[in-house]
């Protein structure tokens, strides 16, 4: 695994699981996004505080479930990762 991606995954896990910060849900309005996800227009994000970026690390993700999975057992598909914007 790419070491940077591994670090991002670890930061995500710590931020959500250990620190109890739920991802914020957003309803997408972009037509391309909606064409790709016609049954689920939602995306989620977290802003992880890291010393490297004054505004934190912004992580945008899509939560995916397999048929029959409980709501808490989602997979996080990373969409974008960049320094937070003020």
Protein backbone atom coordinates (compact mmCIF):
# COMPACT_ATOMS: atom_id res chain seq x y z
CA UNK A 1 0.00 0.00 0.00
CA UNK A 2 1.10 3.54 -0.72
CA UNK A 3 2.51 4.94 2.58
CA UNK A 4 0.64 8.24 2.18
CA UNK A 5 -2.68 6.46 1.61
CA UNK A 6 -1.96 4.25 4.62
CA UNK A 7 -1.39 7.36 6.77
CA UNK A 8 -4.63 8.93 5.52
CA UNK A 9 -6.59 5.76 6.36
CA UNK A 10 -5.07 5.69 9.84
CA UNK A 11 -5.92 9.38 10.39
CA UNK A 12 -9.50 8.74 9.23
CA UNK A 13 -9.92 5.78 11.57
CA UNK A 14 -8.53 7.67 14.55
CA UNK A 15 -10.60 10.79 13.83
CA UNK A 16 -13.88 8.90 13.47
CA UNK A 17 -13.50 5.85 15.73
CA UNK A 18 -11.27 7.02 18.55
CA UNK A 19 -12.24 10.67 18.67
CA UNK A 20 -15.96 10.14 17.90
CA UNK A 21 -16.24 12.57 14.99
CA UNK A 22 -18.98 11.45 12.62
CA UNK A 23 -18.55 12.37 8.95
CA UNK A 24 -20.74 15.26 7.80
CA UNK A 25 -23.32 14.32 5.14
CA UNK A 26 -23.85 16.46 2.04
CA UNK A 27 -26.37 16.11 -0.77
CA UNK A 28 -24.63 16.47 -4.14
CA UNK A 29 -26.15 18.59 -6.90
CA UNK A 30 -23.51 18.07 -9.60
CA UNK A 31 -25.16 16.35 -12.62
CA UNK A 32 -22.11 14.14 -13.30
CA UNK A 33 -22.08 12.89 -9.72
CA UNK A 34 -25.83 12.26 -9.80
CA UNK A 35 -25.50 10.35 -13.09
CA UNK A 36 -22.89 8.09 -11.48
CA UNK A 37 -24.86 7.65 -8.22
CA UNK A 38 -28.55 7.99 -9.23
CA UNK A 39 -29.88 6.14 -6.17
CA UNK A 40 -27.63 7.75 -3.57
CA UNK A 41 -26.69 11.42 -4.02
CA UNK A 42 -24.94 11.67 -0.64
CA UNK A 43 -21.25 12.18 0.03
CA UNK A 44 -19.50 12.59 3.36
CA UNK A 45 -16.49 14.47 4.65
CA UNK A 46 -14.29 14.90 7.67
CA UNK A 47 -11.76 17.58 8.50
CA UNK A 48 -8.88 15.96 10.35
CA UNK A 49 -6.57 18.24 12.35
CA UNK A 50 -2.96 17.59 11.31
CA UNK A 51 0.11 19.71 12.06
CA UNK A 52 1.11 19.82 8.38
CA UNK A 53 -1.95 21.90 7.39
CA UNK A 54 -3.21 24.87 9.39
CA UNK A 55 -6.82 24.24 8.27
CA UNK A 56 -6.58 20.44 8.62
CA UNK A 57 -6.87 17.62 6.09
CA UNK A 58 -10.18 17.52 4.19
CA UNK A 59 -11.30 14.02 3.20
CA UNK A 60 -14.32 13.57 0.91
CA UNK A 61 -15.75 10.06 0.70
CA UNK A 62 -18.66 7.99 -0.50
CA UNK A 63 -20.04 5.45 1.97
CA UNK A 64 -20.91 2.10 0.42
CA UNK A 65 -22.72 -0.92 1.82
CA UNK A 66 -23.13 -4.45 0.61
CA UNK A 67 -26.68 -5.81 0.47
CA UNK A 68 -27.94 -6.57 3.99
CA UNK A 69 -25.10 -4.81 5.84
CA UNK A 70 -25.96 -2.77 8.97
CA UNK A 71 -25.72 1.00 8.52
CA UNK A 72 -22.61 1.16 10.74
CA UNK A 73 -20.69 -1.28 8.51
CA UNK A 74 -20.05 0.98 5.53
CA UNK A 75 -16.94 1.01 3.38
CA UNK A 76 -15.39 4.43 2.79
CA UNK A 77 -14.49 5.07 -0.85
CA UNK A 78 -12.10 8.05 -0.90
CA UNK A 79 -13.11 10.68 -3.43
CA UNK A 80 -10.65 13.48 -2.68
CA UNK A 81 -8.04 14.40 -0.12
CA UNK A 82 -6.58 17.89 0.21
CA UNK A 83 -5.65 20.51 2.74
CA UNK A 84 -8.63 22.18 4.33
CA UNK A 85 -9.80 25.47 2.94
CA UNK A 86 -10.65 28.46 5.08
